[in-house]
């Protein structure tokens, strides 16, 4: 079984962000992920994190798997922050183009989907519109 994002030619996989939001502090998780974690709202204590792998793989599945491995290494306190978060999402970024053939470059095996489910997370596909050539 595979999940397929179908877009247009010229489209392509950009990256995967692991986005974590919580009503409680994510400080332990931020500390565990180190420089891979950004705090978009700069709030203290952090309640929103975006985590990336150092070298973005060429496929969404490889990126999700790397993030899952990284998640598996966090200490118990960070794991509790993860499990206490209200939202745990692997956000797959895709660049779209205005016209062309379908893009089927993002697939996930049933093993990866099961691992995401075991991590109590979700997968989201974010499609970024083509850039306006006029710069507007």
N, C-alpha and C. Protein backbone atom coordinates (compact mmCIF):
# COMPACT_ATOMS: atom_id res chain seq x y z
N UNK A 1 0.85 -1.18 0.00
CA UNK A 1 0.00 0.00 0.00
C UNK A 1 0.89 1.24 0.00
N UNK A 2 0.55 2.23 -0.80
CA UNK A 2 1.35 3.46 -0.84
C UNK A 2 0.42 4.66 -0.90
N UNK A 3 0.87 5.74 -0.30
CA UNK A 3 0.17 7.02 -0.37
C UNK A 3 0.89 7.82 -1.44
N UNK A 4 0.16 8.35 -2.40
CA UNK A 4 0.80 9.06 -3.51
C UNK A 4 0.24 10.47 -3.60
N UNK A 5 1.14 11.47 -3.64
CA UNK A 5 0.75 12.85 -3.89
C UNK A 5 0.89 13.07 -5.38
N UNK A 6 -0.18 13.43 -6.05
CA UNK A 6 -0.17 13.59 -7.49
C UNK A 6 -0.31 15.06 -7.83
N UNK A 7 0.72 15.61 -8.44
CA UNK A 7 0.73 17.01 -8.80
C UNK A 7 1.09 17.15 -10.27
N UNK A 8 1.67 18.27 -10.64
CA UNK A 8 1.98 18.50 -12.05
C UNK A 8 3.47 18.44 -12.32
N UNK A 9 3.83 18.16 -13.58
CA UNK A 9 5.23 18.12 -13.97
C UNK A 9 5.90 19.43 -13.62
N UNK A 10 7.17 19.36 -13.27
CA UNK A 10 7.87 20.55 -12.82
C UNK A 10 7.71 20.70 -11.32
N UNK A 11 6.77 19.99 -10.78
CA UNK A 11 6.60 19.95 -9.34
C UNK A 11 7.69 19.08 -8.77
N UNK A 12 7.91 19.20 -7.50
CA UNK A 12 8.91 18.33 -6.90
C UNK A 12 8.92 18.38 -5.40
N UNK A 13 9.50 17.34 -4.83
CA UNK A 13 9.66 17.23 -3.40
C UNK A 13 10.65 18.27 -2.92
N UNK A 14 10.31 19.00 -1.87
CA UNK A 14 11.20 20.00 -1.29
C UNK A 14 11.87 19.49 -0.02
N UNK A 15 11.08 19.17 0.98
CA UNK A 15 11.61 18.72 2.26
C UNK A 15 10.49 18.19 3.14
N UNK A 16 10.89 17.69 4.31
CA UNK A 16 9.93 17.28 5.34
C UNK A 16 10.28 18.03 6.61
N UNK A 17 9.30 18.71 7.16
CA UNK A 17 9.41 19.35 8.46
C UNK A 17 8.64 18.50 9.46
N UNK A 18 9.22 18.24 10.59
CA UNK A 18 8.49 17.62 11.69
C UNK A 18 7.99 18.78 12.55
N UNK A 19 6.68 18.98 12.55
CA UNK A 19 6.07 20.12 13.23
C UNK A 19 5.36 19.61 14.48
N UNK A 20 5.77 20.16 15.63
CA UNK A 20 5.21 19.73 16.92
C UNK A 20 4.63 20.96 17.61
N UNK A 21 3.37 20.83 18.05
CA UNK A 21 2.71 21.92 18.79
C UNK A 21 2.11 21.34 20.07
N UNK A 22 2.19 22.15 21.12
CA UNK A 22 1.73 21.68 22.41
C UNK A 22 1.25 22.86 23.27
N UNK A 23 0.37 22.57 24.19
CA UNK A 23 -0.03 23.58 25.19
C UNK A 23 0.99 23.62 26.32
N UNK A 24 1.80 22.57 26.41
CA UNK A 24 2.84 22.48 27.44
C UNK A 24 4.20 22.77 26.81
N UNK A 25 5.18 22.93 27.63
CA UNK A 25 6.53 23.23 27.17
C UNK A 25 7.12 22.09 26.34
N UNK A 26 7.77 22.47 25.26
CA UNK A 26 8.51 21.52 24.42
C UNK A 26 10.02 21.71 24.60
N UNK A 27 10.42 22.34 25.70
CA UNK A 27 11.84 22.63 25.93
C UNK A 27 12.69 21.36 25.93
N UNK A 28 12.21 20.29 26.55
CA UNK A 28 12.99 19.04 26.58
C UNK A 28 13.16 18.47 25.17
N UNK A 29 12.13 18.59 24.37
CA UNK A 29 12.21 18.10 22.99
C UNK A 29 13.15 18.98 22.17
N UNK A 30 13.07 20.29 22.36
CA UNK A 30 13.98 21.21 21.66
C UNK A 30 15.43 20.89 22.03
N UNK A 31 15.67 20.66 23.30
CA UNK A 31 17.02 20.34 23.75
C UNK A 31 17.50 19.02 23.13
N UNK A 32 16.63 18.03 23.07
CA UNK A 32 17.00 16.72 22.51
C UNK A 32 17.32 16.81 21.02
N UNK A 33 16.58 17.63 20.29
CA UNK A 33 16.81 17.76 18.85
C UNK A 33 17.94 18.74 18.53
N UNK A 34 18.32 19.56 19.50
CA UNK A 34 19.44 20.47 19.31
C UNK A 34 19.23 21.44 18.16
N UNK A 35 20.27 21.63 17.36
CA UNK A 35 20.24 22.61 16.26
C UNK A 35 19.26 22.24 15.15
N UNK A 36 18.75 21.03 15.17
CA UNK A 36 17.77 20.63 14.15
C UNK A 36 16.39 21.25 14.41
N UNK A 37 16.17 21.75 15.62
CA UNK A 37 14.87 22.30 16.01
C UNK A 37 14.87 23.82 15.95
N UNK A 38 13.81 24.36 15.35
CA UNK A 38 13.60 25.81 15.34
C UNK A 38 12.33 26.09 16.12
N UNK A 39 12.29 27.26 16.74
CA UNK A 39 11.11 27.70 17.48
C UNK A 39 10.55 28.89 16.71
N UNK A 40 9.53 28.68 15.86
CA UNK A 40 9.02 29.76 15.00
C UNK A 40 8.48 30.97 15.74
N UNK A 41 7.83 30.76 16.88
CA UNK A 41 7.23 31.90 17.57
C UNK A 41 8.15 32.50 18.63
N UNK A 42 9.32 31.90 18.84
CA UNK A 42 10.31 32.38 19.82
C UNK A 42 9.74 32.49 21.24
N UNK A 43 8.65 31.81 21.48
CA UNK A 43 8.06 31.85 22.82
C UNK A 43 8.86 31.05 23.82
N UNK A 44 8.77 31.43 25.07
CA UNK A 44 9.41 30.69 26.16
C UNK A 44 8.36 30.40 27.21
N UNK A 45 8.13 29.19 27.62
CA UNK A 45 8.79 28.02 27.06
C UNK A 45 8.24 27.74 25.66
N UNK A 46 9.03 27.05 24.83
CA UNK A 46 8.57 26.79 23.46
C UNK A 46 7.38 25.83 23.44
N UNK A 47 6.41 26.17 22.62
CA UNK A 47 5.22 25.32 22.47
C UNK A 47 5.00 24.93 21.01
N UNK A 48 5.96 25.32 20.16
CA UNK A 48 5.87 25.04 18.73
C UNK A 48 7.29 24.82 18.24
N UNK A 49 7.55 23.64 17.68
CA UNK A 49 8.87 23.33 17.14
C UNK A 49 8.75 22.87 15.69
N UNK A 50 9.77 23.17 14.91
CA UNK A 50 9.91 22.62 13.57
C UNK A 50 11.28 21.97 13.53
N UNK A 51 11.30 20.68 13.20
CA UNK A 51 12.54 19.90 13.21
C UNK A 51 12.83 19.41 11.81
N UNK A 52 14.10 19.49 11.42
CA UNK A 52 14.56 18.99 10.11
C UNK A 52 15.77 18.10 10.32
N UNK A 53 16.03 17.25 9.34
CA UNK A 53 17.28 16.50 9.35
C UNK A 53 18.37 17.39 8.77
N UNK A 54 19.62 17.09 9.09
CA UNK A 54 20.73 17.94 8.63
C UNK A 54 20.83 17.98 7.11
N UNK A 55 20.88 16.83 6.49
CA UNK A 55 20.97 16.74 5.03
C UNK A 55 19.64 16.19 4.53
N UNK A 56 18.87 17.04 3.86
CA UNK A 56 17.54 16.62 3.40
C UNK A 56 17.68 15.53 2.34
N UNK A 57 17.11 14.35 2.60
CA UNK A 57 17.15 13.27 1.61
C UNK A 57 16.41 13.66 0.32
N UNK A 58 16.61 12.87 -0.71
CA UNK A 58 15.99 13.14 -2.01
C UNK A 58 14.54 12.68 -2.08
N UNK A 59 14.10 11.90 -1.09
CA UNK A 59 12.71 11.45 -1.10
C UNK A 59 12.04 11.76 0.24
N UNK A 60 10.72 11.93 0.18
CA UNK A 60 9.95 12.21 1.39
C UNK A 60 10.02 11.02 2.34
N UNK A 61 9.95 9.82 1.79
CA UNK A 61 9.99 8.64 2.67
C UNK A 61 11.31 8.57 3.43
N UNK A 62 12.42 8.81 2.75
CA UNK A 62 13.73 8.77 3.42
C UNK A 62 13.81 9.85 4.50
N UNK A 63 13.27 11.02 4.23
CA UNK A 63 13.29 12.11 5.22
C UNK A 63 12.46 11.74 6.44
N UNK A 64 11.27 11.19 6.23
CA UNK A 64 10.41 10.79 7.35
C UNK A 64 11.11 9.71 8.16
N UNK A 65 11.73 8.75 7.50
CA UNK A 65 12.41 7.67 8.21
C UNK A 65 13.59 8.20 9.04
N UNK A 66 14.34 9.16 8.48
CA UNK A 66 15.44 9.77 9.24
C UNK A 66 14.92 10.48 10.48
N UNK A 67 13.81 11.20 10.32
CA UNK A 67 13.23 11.90 11.46
C UNK A 67 12.71 10.91 12.51
N UNK A 68 12.15 9.79 12.06
CA UNK A 68 11.69 8.76 13.00
C UNK A 68 12.87 8.17 13.78
N UNK A 69 13.99 7.95 13.11
CA UNK A 69 15.18 7.44 13.79
C UNK A 69 15.65 8.45 14.83
N UNK A 70 15.69 9.71 14.43
CA UNK A 70 16.08 10.78 15.34
C UNK A 70 15.14 10.83 16.55
N UNK A 71 13.85 10.72 16.29
CA UNK A 71 12.86 10.73 17.37
C UNK A 71 13.08 9.56 18.33
N UNK A 72 13.49 8.43 17.79
CA UNK A 72 13.73 7.25 18.62
C UNK A 72 14.91 7.39 19.56
N UNK A 73 15.74 8.41 19.37
CA UNK A 73 16.92 8.60 20.21
C UNK A 73 16.70 9.59 21.35
N UNK A 74 15.54 10.22 21.42
CA UNK A 74 15.35 11.25 22.44
C UNK A 74 15.21 10.62 23.83
N UNK A 75 15.69 11.32 24.85
CA UNK A 75 15.59 10.79 26.22
C UNK A 75 14.13 10.79 26.72
N UNK A 76 13.88 10.08 27.82
CA UNK A 76 12.51 9.94 28.33
C UNK A 76 11.76 11.26 28.54
N UNK A 77 12.42 12.28 29.06
CA UNK A 77 11.75 13.56 29.31
C UNK A 77 11.27 14.19 28.00
N UNK A 78 12.09 14.10 26.96
CA UNK A 78 11.71 14.62 25.65
C UNK A 78 10.59 13.76 25.05
N UNK A 79 10.66 12.46 25.28
CA UNK A 79 9.60 11.56 24.78
C UNK A 79 8.26 11.92 25.42
N UNK A 80 8.28 12.25 26.70
CA UNK A 80 7.03 12.66 27.37
C UNK A 80 6.48 13.96 26.75
N UNK A 81 7.38 14.89 26.44
CA UNK A 81 6.94 16.14 25.79
C UNK A 81 6.33 15.82 24.42
N UNK A 82 6.95 14.89 23.69
CA UNK A 82 6.42 14.47 22.38
C UNK A 82 5.02 13.89 22.53
N UNK A 83 4.87 12.96 23.45
CA UNK A 83 3.57 12.30 23.63
C UNK A 83 2.52 13.24 24.18
N UNK A 84 2.93 14.28 24.91
CA UNK A 84 1.99 15.25 25.45
C UNK A 84 1.58 16.33 24.46
N UNK A 85 2.26 16.38 23.32
CA UNK A 85 1.95 17.41 22.32
C UNK A 85 0.59 17.14 21.68
N UNK A 86 -0.11 18.20 21.38
CA UNK A 86 -1.42 18.08 20.75
C UNK A 86 -1.36 17.79 19.26
N UNK A 87 -0.22 18.12 18.64
CA UNK A 87 -0.07 17.93 17.20
C UNK A 87 1.36 17.51 16.89
N UNK A 88 1.49 16.39 16.19
CA UNK A 88 2.79 15.84 15.78
C UNK A 88 2.66 15.48 14.31
N UNK A 89 3.26 16.29 13.44
CA UNK A 89 3.01 16.15 12.00
C UNK A 89 4.30 16.14 11.20
N UNK A 90 4.43 15.16 10.33
CA UNK A 90 5.49 15.14 9.33
C UNK A 90 4.91 15.88 8.12
N UNK A 91 5.36 17.11 7.92
CA UNK A 91 4.82 17.97 6.86
C UNK A 91 5.72 17.88 5.62
N UNK A 92 5.19 17.25 4.57
CA UNK A 92 5.92 17.05 3.32
C UNK A 92 5.68 18.24 2.41
N UNK A 93 6.74 18.97 2.11
CA UNK A 93 6.64 20.14 1.25
C UNK A 93 6.88 19.79 -0.21
N UNK A 94 5.99 20.27 -1.06
CA UNK A 94 6.08 20.03 -2.49
C UNK A 94 5.89 21.34 -3.23
N UNK A 95 6.75 21.57 -4.21
CA UNK A 95 6.63 22.76 -5.06
C UNK A 95 5.79 22.38 -6.27
N UNK A 96 4.75 23.15 -6.54
CA UNK A 96 3.89 22.89 -7.69
C UNK A 96 4.26 23.81 -8.84
N UNK A 97 3.91 23.35 -10.02
CA UNK A 97 4.06 24.17 -11.20
C UNK A 97 2.69 24.29 -11.85
N UNK A 98 2.49 25.30 -12.66
CA UNK A 98 1.16 25.63 -13.16
C UNK A 98 0.56 24.60 -14.11
N UNK A 99 1.35 23.96 -14.93
CA UNK A 99 0.78 23.04 -15.92
C UNK A 99 1.75 21.90 -16.19
N UNK A 100 1.24 20.85 -16.79
CA UNK A 100 2.10 19.74 -17.15
C UNK A 100 1.48 18.41 -16.81
N UNK A 101 2.34 17.42 -16.69
CA UNK A 101 1.88 16.06 -16.38
C UNK A 101 1.81 15.86 -14.87
N UNK A 102 1.12 14.82 -14.43
CA UNK A 102 1.04 14.54 -12.99
C UNK A 102 2.41 14.25 -12.39
N UNK A 103 2.57 14.64 -11.16
CA UNK A 103 3.77 14.36 -10.38
C UNK A 103 3.41 13.30 -9.36
N UNK A 104 4.12 12.19 -9.37
CA UNK A 104 3.86 11.10 -8.44
C UNK A 104 5.11 10.75 -7.66
N UNK A 105 5.87 11.77 -7.31
CA UNK A 105 7.16 11.55 -6.69
C UNK A 105 7.16 11.41 -5.19
N UNK A 106 6.02 11.41 -4.54
CA UNK A 106 5.97 11.26 -3.09
C UNK A 106 5.12 10.04 -2.77
N UNK A 107 5.80 8.99 -2.30
CA UNK A 107 5.10 7.77 -1.89
C UNK A 107 5.63 7.32 -0.54
N UNK A 108 4.79 6.59 0.18
CA UNK A 108 5.17 6.03 1.47
C UNK A 108 4.79 4.57 1.50
N UNK A 109 5.70 3.71 1.94
CA UNK A 109 5.39 2.30 2.09
C UNK A 109 4.50 2.09 3.32
N UNK A 110 3.89 0.95 3.38
CA UNK A 110 3.05 0.64 4.54
C UNK A 110 3.89 0.58 5.81
N UNK A 111 5.17 0.17 5.69
CA UNK A 111 6.05 0.13 6.86
C UNK A 111 6.29 1.53 7.42
N UNK A 112 6.52 2.49 6.55
CA UNK A 112 6.74 3.86 7.01
C UNK A 112 5.46 4.44 7.61
N UNK A 113 4.34 4.18 6.96
CA UNK A 113 3.06 4.68 7.51
C UNK A 113 2.78 4.07 8.87
N UNK A 114 3.10 2.78 9.04
CA UNK A 114 2.89 2.13 10.34
C UNK A 114 3.83 2.74 11.40
N UNK A 115 5.06 3.05 11.02
CA UNK A 115 6.01 3.66 11.96
C UNK A 115 5.54 5.05 12.38
N UNK A 116 4.99 5.81 11.45
CA UNK A 116 4.44 7.13 11.78
C UNK A 116 3.27 6.97 12.75
N UNK A 117 2.42 5.99 12.49
CA UNK A 117 1.29 5.74 13.39
C UNK A 117 1.77 5.32 14.77
N UNK A 118 2.79 4.47 14.85
CA UNK A 118 3.34 4.06 16.16
C UNK A 118 3.91 5.25 16.91
N UNK A 119 4.42 6.24 16.17
CA UNK A 119 4.96 7.44 16.81
C UNK A 119 3.85 8.41 17.20
N UNK A 120 2.60 8.02 16.92
CA UNK A 120 1.42 8.85 17.21
C UNK A 120 1.49 10.19 16.48
N UNK A 121 1.90 10.11 15.23
CA UNK A 121 2.04 11.30 14.40
C UNK A 121 1.17 11.16 13.15
N UNK A 122 1.14 12.22 12.38
CA UNK A 122 0.38 12.25 11.13
C UNK A 122 1.30 12.73 10.02
N UNK A 123 0.86 12.51 8.78
CA UNK A 123 1.57 13.03 7.61
C UNK A 123 0.66 14.06 6.96
N UNK A 124 1.25 15.18 6.63
CA UNK A 124 0.53 16.26 5.94
C UNK A 124 1.31 16.57 4.67
N UNK A 125 0.59 16.82 3.58
CA UNK A 125 1.21 17.23 2.33
C UNK A 125 0.90 18.71 2.12
N UNK A 126 1.95 19.54 2.03
CA UNK A 126 1.77 20.96 1.76
C UNK A 126 2.30 21.25 0.37
N UNK A 127 1.42 21.75 -0.49
CA UNK A 127 1.80 22.07 -1.86
C UNK A 127 1.94 23.58 -1.97
N UNK A 128 3.14 24.01 -2.32
CA UNK A 128 3.42 25.43 -2.47
C UNK A 128 3.14 25.84 -3.91
N UNK A 129 2.39 26.92 -4.11
CA UNK A 129 2.04 27.33 -5.47
C UNK A 129 3.28 27.78 -6.25
N UNK A 130 3.16 27.76 -7.58
CA UNK A 130 4.30 28.25 -8.37
C UNK A 130 4.57 29.69 -8.06
N UNK A 131 5.85 30.06 -8.13
CA UNK A 131 6.19 31.47 -7.90
C UNK A 131 5.73 32.30 -9.09
N UNK A 132 5.25 33.48 -8.78
CA UNK A 132 4.80 34.41 -9.81
C UNK A 132 6.02 35.00 -10.51
N UNK A 133 6.10 34.79 -11.82
CA UNK A 133 7.25 35.27 -12.59
C UNK A 133 7.38 36.79 -12.55
N UNK A 134 6.28 37.49 -12.30
CA UNK A 134 6.33 38.94 -12.27
C UNK A 134 6.90 39.48 -10.96
N UNK A 135 7.04 38.56 -9.97
CA UNK A 135 7.57 38.98 -8.67
C UNK A 135 6.53 39.61 -7.78
N UNK A 136 5.27 39.56 -8.17
CA UNK A 136 4.17 40.13 -7.38
C UNK A 136 3.65 39.12 -6.41
